[in-house]
Every structure is written in C-alpha cells, then in structure tokens.
Protein backbone atom coordinates (compact mmCIF):
# COMPACT_ATOMS: atom_id res chain seq x y z
CA MET A 1 34.69 165.12 181.18
CA LEU A 2 32.47 162.59 182.87
CA ASN A 3 34.76 162.52 185.84
CA PHE A 4 34.60 166.31 186.13
CA THR A 5 30.80 166.29 185.86
CA GLY A 6 30.56 163.59 188.53
CA PHE A 7 32.85 165.59 190.77
CA VAL A 8 30.72 168.72 190.41
CA VAL A 9 27.53 166.81 191.14
CA THR A 10 29.12 165.19 194.15
CA GLU A 11 30.27 168.54 195.50
CA ILE A 12 26.81 169.99 195.00
CA LEU A 13 25.21 167.09 196.87
CA VAL A 14 27.72 167.40 199.67
CA CYS A 15 27.06 171.12 199.99
CA TYR A 16 23.31 170.48 199.92
CA ASN A 17 23.61 167.79 202.59
CA VAL A 18 25.78 170.06 204.73
CA ARG A 19 23.23 172.82 204.34
CA MET A 20 20.40 170.48 205.25
CA MET A 21 22.34 169.26 208.27
CA ASP A 22 23.01 172.86 209.35
CA GLU A 23 19.35 173.74 209.01
CA THR A 24 18.29 170.63 210.93
CA ILE A 25 20.77 171.37 213.72
CA LYS A 26 19.56 174.97 213.92
CA LEU A 27 15.95 173.77 214.01
CA LEU A 28 16.71 171.36 216.84
CA ILE A 29 18.51 174.08 218.78
CA ILE A 30 15.59 176.49 218.34
CA LEU A 31 13.06 173.88 219.45
CA ALA A 32 15.20 172.86 222.44
CA VAL A 33 15.69 176.45 223.60
CA GLY A 34 11.99 177.21 223.18
CA LEU A 35 10.92 174.08 225.04
CA VAL A 36 13.31 174.68 227.94
CA THR A 37 12.19 178.31 228.20
CA LEU A 38 8.52 177.31 228.29
CA ILE A 39 9.21 174.73 231.01
CA LEU A 40 11.08 177.29 233.12
CA LEU A 41 8.29 179.83 232.73
CA ARG A 42 5.74 177.21 233.73
CA LEU A 43 7.73 176.34 236.86
CA ILE A 44 8.12 179.99 237.82
CA SER A 45 4.43 180.67 237.22
CA GLY A 46 3.43 177.69 239.38
CA LYS A 47 5.70 178.50 242.33
CA ARG A 48 5.19 182.26 242.53
CA LYS A 49 1.62 183.02 243.56
CA ARG A 50 1.74 186.63 242.41
CA LEU A 51 -0.61 188.19 239.91
CA HIS A 52 1.96 190.12 237.88
CA VAL A 53 4.36 187.14 237.79
CA ARG A 54 1.62 184.85 236.48
CA PHE A 55 0.57 187.33 233.77
CA ILE A 56 4.15 188.14 232.69
CA CYS A 57 4.95 184.43 232.44
CA ASN A 58 1.91 183.86 230.23
CA LEU A 59 2.92 186.82 228.07
CA LEU A 60 6.48 185.54 227.76
CA LYS A 61 5.18 182.11 226.72
CA VAL A 62 3.42 183.69 223.77
CA LEU A 63 6.50 185.72 222.86
CA VAL A 64 8.70 182.60 223.03
CA VAL A 65 6.39 180.72 220.66
CA VAL A 66 6.30 183.65 218.23
CA GLY A 67 10.08 184.04 218.44
CA CYS A 68 10.61 180.33 217.69
CA LEU A 69 8.36 180.57 214.64
CA VAL A 70 10.26 183.61 213.35
CA ALA A 71 13.59 181.84 213.94
CA ILE A 72 12.41 178.77 212.03
CA LEU A 73 11.35 180.99 209.12
CA ASN A 74 14.81 182.56 209.13
CA VAL A 75 16.45 179.13 209.01
CA TYR A 76 14.45 177.95 206.03
CA THR A 77 14.85 180.71 203.45
CA ASP A 78 12.15 179.23 201.22
CA LEU A 79 9.58 179.54 204.03
CA GLU A 80 10.82 183.05 204.75
CA LYS A 81 10.20 184.08 201.13
CA LEU A 82 6.73 182.49 201.23
CA ALA A 83 5.85 184.30 204.45
CA ALA A 84 7.10 187.62 203.02
CA ALA A 85 4.98 187.13 199.93
CA LEU A 86 1.91 186.37 202.00
CA LEU A 87 2.45 189.43 204.20
CA THR A 88 3.03 191.66 201.16
CA GLY A 89 -0.03 190.51 199.26
CA GLY A 90 -2.31 189.97 202.23
CA GLY A 91 -2.94 193.55 203.31
CA LEU A 92 -6.71 193.12 203.21
CA ILE A 93 -6.49 189.92 205.25
CA LEU A 94 -4.33 191.66 207.83
CA ALA A 95 -6.81 194.55 208.03
CA ILE A 96 -9.70 192.14 208.62
CA LEU A 97 -7.75 190.21 211.23
CA SER A 98 -6.74 193.42 212.98
CA PHE A 99 -10.37 194.56 213.15
CA ALA A 100 -11.48 191.17 214.46
CA ALA A 101 -8.70 191.11 217.06
CA GLN A 102 -9.66 194.41 218.72
CA LYS A 103 -11.28 192.69 221.70
CA VAL A 104 -8.34 190.32 222.01
CA LEU A 105 -5.88 193.22 222.06
CA ASN A 106 -8.11 195.06 224.53
CA ASN A 107 -8.05 192.05 226.87
CA ILE A 108 -4.26 191.75 226.57
CA LEU A 109 -3.67 195.45 227.26
CA SER A 110 -6.18 195.34 230.13
CA GLY A 111 -4.33 192.34 231.54
CA ILE A 112 -1.05 194.28 231.39
CA SER A 113 -2.72 197.20 233.16
CA ILE A 114 -4.15 194.93 235.88
CA SER A 115 -0.85 193.09 236.40
CA PHE A 116 1.04 196.35 236.95
CA SER A 117 -1.60 198.23 238.97
CA ARG A 118 -2.40 195.04 240.97
CA PRO A 119 -5.85 195.88 242.39
CA PHE A 120 -5.94 192.24 243.54
CA ASP A 121 -3.61 189.27 243.75
CA LEU A 122 -3.92 185.52 243.32
CA GLY A 123 -5.85 184.07 246.25
CA ASP A 124 -7.63 187.35 247.05
CA LYS A 125 -11.37 187.31 247.60
CA ILE A 126 -12.97 189.96 245.39
CA LYS A 127 -16.38 191.08 244.20
CA VAL A 128 -16.76 192.29 240.59
CA MET A 129 -19.52 194.89 240.24
CA ASN A 130 -21.20 196.37 237.17
CA GLY A 131 -22.78 199.41 238.77
CA ASN A 132 -24.86 197.98 241.62
CA THR A 133 -25.12 194.55 239.99
CA PRO A 134 -22.59 191.92 241.09
CA ILE A 135 -21.00 190.01 238.20
CA ALA A 136 -18.98 187.51 240.22
CA GLU A 137 -17.74 187.00 243.77
CA GLY A 138 -15.07 184.58 244.92
CA THR A 139 -11.33 183.84 244.99
CA VAL A 140 -8.96 184.83 242.16
CA SER A 141 -7.37 181.57 240.99
CA ASP A 142 -5.63 182.54 237.72
CA ILE A 143 -5.06 185.27 235.14
CA THR A 144 -4.17 184.75 231.47
CA LEU A 145 -3.62 187.07 228.52
CA ARG A 146 -7.34 187.03 227.78
CA HIS A 147 -9.27 186.48 231.01
CA THR A 148 -9.25 186.26 234.79
CA VAL A 149 -10.53 183.14 236.55
CA ILE A 150 -12.55 183.57 239.76
CA MET A 151 -13.51 180.53 241.81
CA THR A 152 -16.92 181.29 243.34
CA TYR A 153 -17.85 180.19 246.85
CA ASP A 154 -20.00 177.36 245.49
CA GLY A 155 -17.04 175.87 243.60
CA GLN A 156 -17.74 177.19 240.08
CA SER A 157 -15.10 178.80 237.84
CA CYS A 158 -16.19 182.22 236.61
CA ILE A 159 -14.13 183.32 233.56
CA ILE A 160 -14.23 187.10 233.04
CA PRO A 161 -12.42 188.91 230.17
CA ASN A 162 -9.64 191.21 231.33
CA GLY A 163 -11.34 194.12 229.54
CA THR A 164 -14.42 193.65 231.70
CA MET A 165 -12.30 193.33 234.84
CA ASN A 166 -10.48 196.56 233.99
CA GLU A 167 -13.72 198.49 233.43
CA SER A 168 -15.72 197.08 236.38
CA MET A 169 -15.74 198.19 239.99
CA LEU A 170 -13.74 195.76 242.14
CA VAL A 171 -14.27 195.21 245.85
CA ASN A 172 -11.20 193.50 247.33
CA VAL A 173 -12.36 191.86 250.54
CA SER A 174 -8.89 190.45 251.30
CA ALA A 175 -7.38 193.94 251.36
CA ARG A 176 -8.78 194.40 254.87
CA GLU A 177 -7.09 192.95 257.94
CA LYS A 178 -10.35 191.40 259.16
CA ILE A 179 -13.82 190.64 257.83
CA GLY A 180 -17.02 191.62 259.64
CA ASN A 181 -20.43 190.03 259.27
CA PHE A 182 -23.70 190.92 260.99
CA LEU A 183 -25.31 188.25 263.16
CA GLU A 184 -28.96 188.66 264.18
CA ILE A 185 -31.27 186.52 266.27
CA THR A 186 -34.87 187.18 267.32
CA VAL A 187 -36.06 186.48 270.88
CA GLY A 188 -39.48 186.61 272.54
CA PHE A 189 -40.90 189.68 274.28
CA ASP A 190 -40.91 187.83 277.64
CA THR A 191 -37.14 187.19 277.41
CA ASP A 192 -34.60 188.10 280.09
CA PHE A 193 -32.74 190.49 277.79
CA ASP A 194 -29.71 190.96 280.04
CA LEU A 195 -29.17 187.20 280.11
CA ALA A 196 -29.70 186.87 276.33
CA LEU A 197 -27.19 189.66 275.58
CA LYS A 198 -24.66 188.19 277.99
CA LEU A 199 -24.95 184.69 276.51
CA THR A 200 -24.64 186.06 272.98
CA GLU A 201 -21.42 187.94 273.74
CA GLU A 202 -19.85 185.00 275.59
CA ILE A 203 -20.65 182.54 272.81
CA VAL A 204 -19.42 184.84 270.02
CA ARG A 205 -16.13 185.67 271.74
CA GLY A 206 -15.56 182.03 272.67
CA THR A 207 -16.02 180.68 269.14
CA GLU A 208 -12.98 179.55 267.18
CA ASN A 209 -11.52 181.93 264.54
CA VAL A 210 -13.40 184.94 265.97
CA ILE A 211 -11.01 187.87 266.40
CA ASP A 212 -13.45 190.34 267.92
CA CYS A 213 -17.12 191.27 268.07
CA THR A 214 -19.19 194.36 268.78
CA LYS A 215 -21.16 194.44 272.01
CA PRO A 216 -24.55 192.78 271.35
CA LEU A 217 -27.57 195.08 271.49
CA ILE A 218 -31.26 195.12 270.64
CA SER A 219 -31.30 196.66 267.18
CA ARG A 220 -35.05 196.75 266.42
CA PHE A 221 -38.47 195.23 267.08
CA GLU A 222 -40.09 192.73 264.76
CA ALA A 223 -43.57 191.24 264.86
CA ASP A 224 -42.18 188.13 266.56
CA GLY A 225 -40.01 189.97 269.08
CA PRO A 226 -36.85 192.06 269.61
CA VAL A 227 -33.79 191.40 267.41
CA ILE A 228 -30.36 190.99 269.04
CA LYS A 229 -27.56 192.09 266.72
CA THR A 230 -23.76 191.90 266.80
CA THR A 231 -20.85 191.96 264.32
CA VAL A 232 -18.54 188.95 264.08
CA TRP A 233 -14.96 189.71 262.97
CA THR A 234 -12.60 187.06 261.52
CA LYS A 235 -9.50 187.00 259.29
CA ASN A 236 -11.26 186.07 256.05
CA VAL A 237 -14.65 185.28 254.53
CA ALA A 238 -14.29 181.50 254.75
CA GLU A 239 -13.56 181.60 258.48
CA ASN A 240 -16.45 184.01 258.98
CA PHE A 241 -18.96 181.64 257.37
CA VAL A 242 -17.79 178.77 259.57
CA ALA A 243 -17.74 180.89 262.74
CA CYS A 244 -21.24 182.33 262.20
CA GLY A 245 -22.65 178.85 261.59
CA SER A 246 -21.09 177.57 264.80
CA ILE A 247 -22.35 180.60 266.75
CA ARG A 248 -25.93 180.08 265.59
CA LYS A 249 -25.86 176.44 266.69
CA LYS A 250 -24.45 177.34 270.11
CA LEU A 251 -26.99 180.15 270.58
CA ILE A 252 -29.92 177.82 269.91
CA GLU A 253 -28.61 175.30 272.47
CA ALA A 254 -27.80 177.98 275.08
CA PHE A 255 -31.17 179.72 274.71
CA ARG A 256 -32.99 176.40 275.00
CA ASP A 257 -31.11 175.54 278.22
CA ASN A 258 -31.90 178.97 279.74
CA ASN A 259 -35.59 179.04 278.69
CA ILE A 260 -35.07 181.88 276.23
CA THR A 261 -37.68 181.66 273.50
CA ILE A 262 -36.82 182.01 269.83
CA PRO A 263 -40.28 182.81 268.37
CA TYR A 264 -41.49 181.52 265.03
CA GLN A 265 -44.78 181.83 263.17
CA THR A 266 -47.27 178.98 263.40
CA ILE A 267 -50.45 178.21 261.46
CA THR A 268 -53.31 176.29 263.14
CA ILE A 269 -55.65 174.36 260.84
CA GLU A 270 -58.99 173.08 262.23
CA SER A 271 -61.13 170.55 260.41
CA ILE A 272 -64.95 171.00 260.56
CA PRO A 273 -66.94 167.72 260.83
CA GLU A 274 -69.32 167.04 257.97
CA SER A 275 -72.34 166.74 260.30
CA SER A 276 -71.63 170.09 261.87
CA GLY A 277 -71.32 171.64 258.43
CA GLY A 278 -74.68 170.20 257.35
CA GLU A 279 -76.47 171.47 260.46
CA ARG A 280 -74.89 174.90 259.99
CA ALA A 281 -76.19 175.06 256.40
CA LYS A 282 -79.71 174.03 257.50
CA ASN A 283 -79.77 176.68 260.22
CA GLN A 284 -78.64 179.26 257.68
CA VAL A 285 -81.55 178.32 255.34
CA LYS A 286 -84.04 178.52 258.22
CA ASN A 287 -82.77 181.94 259.21
CA GLN A 288 -83.21 183.14 255.64
CA GLU A 289 -86.79 181.79 255.52
CA ASN A 290 -87.67 183.46 258.82
CA ASP A 291 -86.30 186.81 257.64
CA PRO A 292 -89.43 189.06 257.12
CA GLY A 293 -87.64 191.35 254.70
CA ARG A 294 -86.58 188.41 252.53
CA ARG A 295 -90.19 187.02 252.53
CA ARG A 296 -91.57 190.33 251.34
CA LYS A 297 -88.99 190.50 248.59
CA ASN A 298 -89.89 187.04 247.28
CA HIS A 299 -93.73 187.40 247.69
CA PRO A 300 -95.67 186.87 244.42
CA GLY A 301 -97.73 189.97 245.09
CA ASN A 302 -94.61 192.08 245.10
CA ALA A 303 -93.78 190.86 241.60
CA GLU A 304 -97.29 191.78 240.36
CA ARG A 305 -97.06 195.26 241.88
CA LYS A 306 -93.80 195.75 240.06
C-alpha cells in the first residue's frame, strides 16, 4: 500500500514537473519571439525614414507587447483565471479608464490618420498653425502613437499631440521645389541706383546655394532712403538662411567699395557748459524784470486795487 502511494505521489510530481517545464519553455519561447520582433521593428524604424513606416512600427511594438502578455496569461492558467475575474468584476474600473483614455485614443487615431494621409514626412520642414497663430515651426524628427516631435530652428524639441497636429493647419515648406525669401536693403537718396541694382543682382546670383532670384528693384521709399528688394530662391530653408546672410555681408562690402551709402539714424548730444547755463539763467531773470507787463502785474498798488 505504501509502495502504491509512493508511486502515485511520484507520478504526480513528475507530471507537475513536466507541466512546469512545458510552461517555462513556452514562456521562454514567447519572450524570445517578442524580443526578436521588437528588435526587428526597431531596426526597420531606424533605417526607413518614412512617416507611415515609423508610426506603423511604433504601433506594432505596442501590439507585440500586448500579444506577449496575452500569451503568457494563456500559458499560466491560474493567471488567466485571475485576469478573467478582474475583467468580469471590474466593469466600473474599465469605464473610468475608458473615459480617462479618450485623449490617448484620440491621439492614436489621429496618428493613424496622419500616417496614412501623410501631409508631411520625416525630415520635412513644417509650420503648425492655430488660426493665424503659429504653434511650432521646424523639422519633423519623429512620430509616436501619442505625439509628433518637431525640432525647431533654434535646436529645441517641440512635442505636439497627434490630435492637435490633426486639427491644426499645416504649412509644409518642404513640399515646394524651392524656397523664396525677401531680401531688402536701404540706400541713400544720392545713390547711383543703376549701379546699386546691378551689384545686388550680381552678388545674389553669384552666392552659393542660390538657385535663382527676381530682378532687384526699388520697392518703396523710407525716411532714410529708397529700399532695394529682391527674392532669393534656394532648395530649402536652411540654405536660404545661410545664403541671405552671406549676401548681406557681400552687399555691405561692395557698397562700401563703390561709395554707395547705407543710411542709418544718428543722435547728436551736445553738452552745455555750466558757466554758459548760469549766464543764460541770469539773462532770463533780467529779461523778466525788465518786462513792463510783468512789473505791473507784481506792483503792490495792483494788489490793493484788487
């Protein structure tokens, strides 16, 4: 009888150990598959600089993690029963979480909409507008399930929820083949305008990264003098900033060499010597004393007559 009991216990332990080994093997397989999938998605997301690829990879990462958790619950039946009990009795908790997650779901759905409609791509230079008010302006560097990251021109990361991106007006500067920027410079009224216009056009067209420019002209008159205006065209915004800065430097040097004046406002301050100020005050007092009308006003008899 004891031998039979020992045999039964041994068989039960063996079955339990086999079951535990099976569950452990399944757990290791699930973790390995999930880890390899996440690594592959990360590699694909890093190599492919496309907006929809980046967003889909981030979405798949979340789905892989959720799928691994569900698979682990299926392996361990005790955990599966516990999870089912929590889901059955936690209706109120689920309702509260669903209400709190409305913005999260809105950002996810907006991200899906943006990734498929593709109003911009990674590396594009965009401007996000709320009516006439700019929210952010810069280069799109990343998009996640929740937000879009824009690197501004001063090096800051602007994180905007996908819901806001989907509802805002977007200006995609990179969608154009070339970028134009106005360039203005004021000259004096005694300037040789033909020479100034000729120098401006030659310098603009000869500057690096400049694709084209409009013919310079005198756009308007200011208090300091006429304003010469042209449009500088380059491939992108970054090249335009560099080109315009170089053009301004060259224009200042060329105008200086050709005696073309760039006017600027000046303020002249004169100091009055203390002695001169004292003499002026004394003369002012004498003039007041010699004023007949003032003497009559201050005469004692006038006060009595009043």
